[in-house]
N, C-alpha and C. Protein backbone atom coordinates (compact mmCIF):
# COMPACT_ATOMS: atom_id res chain seq x y z
N UNK A 1 -5.71 -16.10 21.02
CA UNK A 1 -5.96 -17.58 20.43
C UNK A 1 -4.52 -17.38 19.88
N UNK A 2 -3.78 -18.73 19.46
CA UNK A 2 -2.51 -19.02 19.41
C UNK A 2 -2.19 -19.35 18.03
N UNK A 3 -1.75 -18.80 17.26
CA UNK A 3 -1.28 -19.56 16.01
C UNK A 3 0.36 -19.79 15.49
N UNK A 4 0.58 -19.92 14.44
CA UNK A 4 2.17 -20.46 14.02
C UNK A 4 2.37 -19.06 13.86
N UNK A 5 1.96 -18.22 13.76
CA UNK A 5 3.00 -16.88 13.55
C UNK A 5 2.65 -15.53 14.37
N UNK A 6 2.92 -15.06 14.86
CA UNK A 6 2.43 -13.83 16.04
C UNK A 6 2.03 -12.49 14.39
N UNK A 7 0.95 -12.11 15.25
CA UNK A 7 0.02 -11.09 14.77
C UNK A 7 0.54 -9.74 15.24
N UNK A 8 0.91 -8.14 13.99
CA UNK A 8 0.97 -7.21 14.67
C UNK A 8 -0.20 -6.35 13.79
N UNK A 9 0.10 -4.98 14.36
CA UNK A 9 -1.06 -3.52 13.90
C UNK A 9 -0.02 -2.68 14.62
N UNK A 10 0.63 -1.94 12.98
CA UNK A 10 1.30 -1.12 13.42
C UNK A 10 0.40 -0.11 12.52
N UNK A 11 0.46 2.01 12.63
CA UNK A 11 0.57 2.69 12.42
C UNK A 11 1.78 3.42 11.77
N UNK A 12 1.57 4.34 10.24
CA UNK A 12 2.77 4.57 9.87
C UNK A 12 2.20 5.85 9.27
N UNK A 13 3.37 7.05 8.92
CA UNK A 13 2.67 8.12 7.98
C UNK A 13 3.85 7.98 7.20
N UNK A 14 3.63 7.69 5.44
CA UNK A 14 4.49 7.50 4.07
C UNK A 14 4.53 8.73 3.83
N UNK A 15 5.61 9.21 3.29
CA UNK A 15 5.79 10.72 2.20
C UNK A 15 6.05 9.64 0.58
N UNK A 16 5.99 10.65 -0.38
CA UNK A 16 5.98 10.46 -1.56
C UNK A 16 6.44 10.53 -2.52
N UNK A 17 7.22 10.55 -3.28
CA UNK A 17 7.91 11.98 -4.11
C UNK A 17 7.89 11.36 -5.58
N UNK A 18 8.04 12.28 -6.55
CA UNK A 18 8.27 11.51 -7.83
C UNK A 18 6.52 12.24 -8.73
N UNK A 19 6.07 10.68 -9.65
CA UNK A 19 4.82 11.67 -10.09
C UNK A 19 3.26 11.31 -9.09
N UNK A 20 3.55 10.55 -7.95
CA UNK A 20 2.51 10.42 -6.63
C UNK A 20 3.92 10.92 -6.07
N UNK A 21 3.42 12.18 -5.27
CA UNK A 21 3.65 13.25 -4.63
C UNK A 21 2.87 13.36 -3.16
N UNK A 22 3.07 13.16 -2.45
CA UNK A 22 2.18 13.52 -1.08
C UNK A 22 2.75 12.81 0.18
N UNK A 23 2.14 12.17 0.79
CA UNK A 23 1.72 11.83 2.65
C UNK A 23 0.45 10.81 2.28
N UNK A 24 0.50 9.47 3.03
CA UNK A 24 -0.50 9.14 3.42
C UNK A 24 -0.21 8.52 4.92
N UNK A 25 -1.58 8.24 5.07
CA UNK A 25 -2.18 7.45 6.87
C UNK A 25 -1.82 6.22 6.53
N UNK A 26 -0.94 5.46 7.34
CA UNK A 26 -1.69 3.48 6.74
C UNK A 26 -1.74 2.95 8.50
N UNK A 27 -2.50 2.17 8.48
CA UNK A 27 -2.73 1.01 9.03
C UNK A 27 -1.94 -0.47 8.60
N UNK A 28 -1.31 -1.04 9.19
CA UNK A 28 -0.43 -2.33 8.52
C UNK A 28 -0.38 -3.42 9.46
N UNK A 29 -1.51 -4.55 8.91
CA UNK A 29 -0.81 -5.70 10.19
C UNK A 29 -0.70 -6.88 9.72
N UNK A 30 0.04 -7.90 10.24
CA UNK A 30 0.76 -8.69 10.01
C UNK A 30 0.81 -9.80 10.32
N UNK A 31 0.78 -11.22 9.53
CA UNK A 31 0.96 -12.37 10.35
C UNK A 31 2.47 -12.45 9.87
N UNK A 32 3.65 -12.42 10.63
CA UNK A 32 4.87 -12.78 9.90
C UNK A 32 6.38 -13.26 11.25
N UNK A 33 7.27 -13.96 10.51
CA UNK A 33 7.90 -14.83 11.55
C UNK A 33 9.26 -14.08 11.30
N UNK A 34 9.63 -13.23 12.16
CA UNK A 34 11.00 -12.15 11.73
C UNK A 34 12.47 -13.22 11.22
N UNK A 35 12.17 -14.00 12.21
CA UNK A 35 13.62 -15.17 11.71
C UNK A 35 13.36 -15.52 10.35
N UNK A 36 12.54 -16.04 10.31
CA UNK A 36 12.51 -16.64 8.88
C UNK A 36 12.09 -15.67 7.37
N UNK A 37 11.70 -14.59 8.14
CA UNK A 37 11.23 -13.79 6.96
C UNK A 37 9.49 -14.11 6.10
N UNK A 38 8.81 -15.61 7.05
CA UNK A 38 7.95 -15.98 6.49
C UNK A 38 6.79 -15.28 7.14
N UNK A 39 5.39 -15.10 5.56
CA UNK A 39 4.38 -14.46 6.47
C UNK A 39 3.68 -13.64 5.61
N UNK A 40 2.70 -13.04 6.18
CA UNK A 40 1.29 -11.88 5.17
C UNK A 40 0.85 -10.46 5.76
N UNK A 41 1.27 -9.41 5.13
CA UNK A 41 1.03 -8.42 5.37
C UNK A 41 -0.82 -8.10 4.27
N UNK A 42 -1.23 -7.28 5.03
CA UNK A 42 -2.42 -6.21 5.32
C UNK A 42 -2.31 -4.95 5.39
N UNK A 43 -2.70 -3.86 4.19
CA UNK A 43 -2.00 -2.47 5.12
C UNK A 43 -3.56 -1.81 4.02
N UNK A 44 -4.03 -0.97 4.93
CA UNK A 44 -5.42 0.10 4.24
C UNK A 44 -4.30 1.49 4.23
N UNK A 45 -4.32 2.60 3.51
CA UNK A 45 -3.75 4.17 3.55
C UNK A 45 -4.48 5.14 2.71
N UNK A 46 -4.78 5.97 3.36
CA UNK A 46 -5.29 7.41 2.83
C UNK A 46 -4.20 8.24 2.57
N UNK A 47 -4.22 8.56 1.24
CA UNK A 47 -3.10 9.62 0.42
C UNK A 47 -3.98 10.69 0.29
N UNK A 48 -2.88 11.80 0.54
CA UNK A 48 -3.19 12.89 -0.24
C UNK A 48 -2.41 13.75 -0.38
N UNK A 49 -2.76 14.08 -1.96
CA UNK A 49 -1.27 14.79 -2.61
C UNK A 49 -1.06 15.41 -3.91
N UNK A 50 -0.93 14.59 -4.82
CA UNK A 50 -0.94 14.63 -6.10
C UNK A 50 -0.44 13.24 -7.06
N UNK A 51 -1.52 13.00 -7.87
CA UNK A 51 -0.93 11.96 -8.90
C UNK A 51 -1.33 12.03 -10.41
N UNK A 52 -0.80 12.28 -11.08
CA UNK A 52 -0.73 12.60 -12.35
C UNK A 52 -1.22 14.30 -12.47
N UNK A 53 -0.93 14.61 -11.42
CA UNK A 53 -0.62 16.40 -12.02
C UNK A 53 -2.02 16.91 -10.93
N UNK A 54 -3.07 15.68 -10.59
CA UNK A 54 -3.98 16.12 -9.89
C UNK A 54 -3.98 16.13 -8.85
N UNK A 55 -4.66 17.19 -7.57
CA UNK A 55 -4.40 17.00 -6.19
C UNK A 55 -5.35 16.53 -5.48
N UNK A 56 -5.59 15.96 -4.83
CA UNK A 56 -7.02 15.35 -3.85
C UNK A 56 -6.58 14.48 -3.45
N UNK A 57 -7.44 13.18 -2.35
CA UNK A 57 -7.33 11.97 -1.94
C UNK A 57 -8.13 11.07 -2.12
N UNK A 58 -7.14 10.21 -1.50
CA UNK A 58 -8.54 8.45 -1.48
C UNK A 58 -7.76 7.68 -0.78
N UNK A 59 -8.07 6.43 -0.80
CA UNK A 59 -8.11 5.35 -0.31
C UNK A 59 -7.30 4.42 -0.93
N UNK A 60 -6.40 3.24 -0.88
CA UNK A 60 -5.77 2.20 -1.29
C UNK A 60 -5.41 0.94 -0.41
N UNK A 61 -5.60 -0.02 -0.94
CA UNK A 61 -5.13 -1.01 0.60
C UNK A 61 -4.54 -2.13 -0.81
N UNK A 62 -3.30 -2.74 0.06
CA UNK A 62 -2.50 -3.92 -0.68
C UNK A 62 -2.00 -4.55 0.40
N UNK A 63 -1.57 -5.95 -0.01
CA UNK A 63 -1.09 -7.06 0.43
C UNK A 63 -0.32 -7.87 -0.05
N UNK A 64 0.69 -8.75 0.30
CA UNK A 64 1.08 -9.69 -0.19
C UNK A 64 1.72 -10.60 0.50
N UNK A 65 2.36 -11.44 0.13
CA UNK A 65 3.11 -12.48 1.00
C UNK A 65 4.09 -12.62 0.64
N UNK A 66 5.10 -13.52 1.35
CA UNK A 66 6.76 -13.84 1.29
C UNK A 66 6.56 -15.25 2.35
N UNK A 67 7.75 -15.87 1.85
CA UNK A 67 7.61 -17.31 1.93
C UNK A 67 9.31 -16.72 2.62
N UNK A 68 9.70 -15.99 1.97
CA UNK A 68 11.35 -15.70 3.02
C UNK A 68 12.34 -14.28 2.01
N UNK A 69 11.98 -14.98 0.78
CA UNK A 69 13.03 -14.31 -0.31
C UNK A 69 12.30 -14.01 -1.46
N UNK A 70 10.89 -14.29 -1.02
CA UNK A 70 10.36 -13.74 -2.43
C UNK A 70 8.86 -12.58 -2.25
N UNK A 71 8.14 -12.08 -3.32
CA UNK A 71 6.91 -11.53 -2.48
C UNK A 71 6.00 -11.88 -3.80
N UNK A 72 4.98 -12.85 -3.48
CA UNK A 72 3.76 -13.68 -3.60
C UNK A 72 1.99 -13.08 -3.29
N UNK A 73 1.02 -13.96 -4.27
CA UNK A 73 -0.23 -13.32 -3.62
C UNK A 73 -0.29 -11.59 -3.51
N UNK A 74 0.27 -10.85 -4.49
CA UNK A 74 0.13 -9.22 -4.45
C UNK A 74 -1.52 -9.36 -4.25
N UNK A 75 -2.00 -8.24 -3.98
CA UNK A 75 -3.45 -7.44 -4.18
C UNK A 75 -2.60 -5.95 -4.36
N UNK A 76 -3.49 -5.21 -4.89
CA UNK A 76 -3.86 -3.86 -4.87
C UNK A 76 -4.72 -2.98 -5.54
N UNK A 77 -5.32 -2.40 -4.47
CA UNK A 77 -5.96 -1.71 -5.30
C UNK A 77 -6.80 -0.75 -4.86
N UNK A 78 -7.53 1.07 -5.94
CA UNK A 78 -8.37 1.66 -5.28
C UNK A 78 -9.49 2.09 -4.76
N UNK A 79 -9.66 2.14 -3.59
CA UNK A 79 -10.54 1.87 -2.80
C UNK A 79 -12.01 2.78 -3.38
N UNK A 80 -12.98 1.98 -4.01
CA UNK A 80 -13.87 2.78 -5.23
C UNK A 80 -14.64 3.75 -3.96
N UNK A 81 -15.14 5.35 -4.50
CA UNK A 81 -15.63 6.15 -3.78
C UNK A 81 -15.27 6.52 -3.42
N UNK A 82 -13.74 6.91 -2.81
CA UNK A 82 -12.94 7.20 -1.78
C UNK A 82 -12.04 8.78 -2.16
N UNK A 83 -12.17 8.87 -4.04
CA UNK A 83 -11.40 9.59 -4.24
C UNK A 83 -12.16 11.37 -4.17
N UNK A 84 -11.08 12.62 -3.79
CA UNK A 84 -11.79 14.08 -3.12
C UNK A 84 -10.97 14.70 -3.92
N UNK A 85 -11.80 16.26 -4.33
CA UNK A 85 -10.59 16.99 -5.03
C UNK A 85 -10.26 16.10 -6.60
N UNK A 86 -8.76 16.31 -6.74
CA UNK A 86 -9.01 16.51 -8.67
C UNK A 86 -8.77 14.80 -8.63
N UNK A 87 -9.36 13.98 -7.59
CA UNK A 87 -8.86 12.69 -7.60
C UNK A 87 -10.35 12.21 -7.25
N UNK A 88 -11.46 13.09 -8.10
CA UNK A 88 -12.55 12.04 -7.25
C UNK A 88 -13.30 10.87 -8.55
N UNK A 89 -13.66 10.20 -8.17
CA UNK A 89 -13.92 9.61 -9.26
C UNK A 89 -13.12 8.23 -9.80
N UNK A 90 -11.58 8.40 -8.96
CA UNK A 90 -10.47 7.83 -9.14
C UNK A 90 -10.79 5.87 -8.86
N UNK A 91 -10.67 5.64 -9.71
CA UNK A 91 -10.59 4.04 -9.28
C UNK A 91 -9.26 2.97 -10.26
N UNK A 92 -9.18 1.41 -10.05
CA UNK A 92 -7.65 1.57 -10.14
C UNK A 92 -7.01 0.64 -9.07
N UNK A 93 -5.93 0.20 -10.14
CA UNK A 93 -4.76 -0.85 -8.75
C UNK A 93 -3.65 0.04 -9.10
N UNK A 94 -3.10 -1.14 -9.18
CA UNK A 94 -0.93 -1.08 -8.53
C UNK A 94 -0.35 -1.86 -8.37
N UNK A 95 0.59 -1.57 -8.09
CA UNK A 95 1.33 -2.43 -7.26
C UNK A 95 2.76 -1.44 -6.62
N UNK A 96 3.28 -2.20 -5.91
CA UNK A 96 4.19 -2.38 -5.12
C UNK A 96 6.32 -2.87 -5.73
N UNK A 97 7.05 -2.36 -5.52
CA UNK A 97 8.11 -3.32 -5.76
C UNK A 97 9.07 -2.58 -4.78
N UNK A 98 9.93 -3.70 -4.59
CA UNK A 98 11.00 -3.20 -3.87
C UNK A 98 11.99 -3.60 -3.80
N UNK A 99 13.11 -2.45 -3.68
CA UNK A 99 14.81 -3.11 -4.52
C UNK A 99 15.53 -3.44 -3.49
N UNK A 100 16.95 -4.25 -4.19
CA UNK A 100 17.55 -4.85 -3.28
C UNK A 100 17.65 -4.22 -2.20
N UNK A 101 18.27 -2.31 -1.76
CA UNK A 101 18.24 -1.68 -0.80
C UNK A 101 17.09 -1.62 0.26
N UNK A 102 16.30 -2.44 -0.42
CA UNK A 102 14.94 -1.79 0.50
C UNK A 102 14.03 -1.11 0.53
N UNK A 103 14.19 0.47 -0.57
CA UNK A 103 13.39 0.91 -0.81
C UNK A 103 11.95 0.27 -2.12
N UNK A 104 10.99 0.70 -1.31
CA UNK A 104 9.31 0.68 -1.95
C UNK A 104 9.00 1.59 -2.56
N UNK A 105 9.24 1.28 -4.24
CA UNK A 105 8.35 1.95 -5.34
C UNK A 105 6.39 1.41 -5.59
N UNK A 106 5.87 2.69 -5.53
CA UNK A 106 4.80 2.15 -5.95
C UNK A 106 4.06 3.05 -7.01
N UNK A 107 2.87 2.35 -7.52
CA UNK A 107 2.52 2.88 -8.90
C UNK A 107 1.10 2.41 -9.03
N UNK A 108 0.32 3.09 -9.54
CA UNK A 108 -1.06 3.52 -9.96
C UNK A 108 -1.49 3.13 -11.48
N UNK A 109 -2.05 2.40 -11.29
CA UNK A 109 -2.88 1.79 -12.76
C UNK A 109 -4.33 2.71 -12.46
N UNK A 110 -4.40 3.71 -13.32
CA UNK A 110 -5.63 4.44 -12.53
C UNK A 110 -6.53 5.02 -13.47
N UNK A 111 -7.97 4.91 -13.52
CA UNK A 111 -8.74 6.09 -13.99
C UNK A 111 -9.63 6.97 -13.20
N UNK A 112 -9.80 7.73 -13.87
CA UNK A 112 -10.89 9.71 -13.18
C UNK A 112 -12.15 9.66 -14.18
N UNK A 113 -12.69 9.92 -13.25
CA UNK A 113 -14.12 9.58 -13.93
C UNK A 113 -15.45 9.77 -13.49
């Protein structure tokens, strides 16, 4: 099927430093035009490491759209029931900001319980 934007799928591994420290395996899909910068992505991540001094793992999902120079329609959520170890029972959300140099910064607003 043909659409106005090509669809791609990628897998990647990310490393985190700071209050969120560890690594994640990510499945990333997007409908995106590289020439204009217009598109939307959806990503599912499996994180392993420490968050707020607690060690464990969990999944989170995020997505956003862009018209080329903005970030809109953002969604970010911890997958319910996915926490293990010291992160068992984690729930909540968070967000991603992108610095002018392209550095991505992630934060979590979460509850354990």
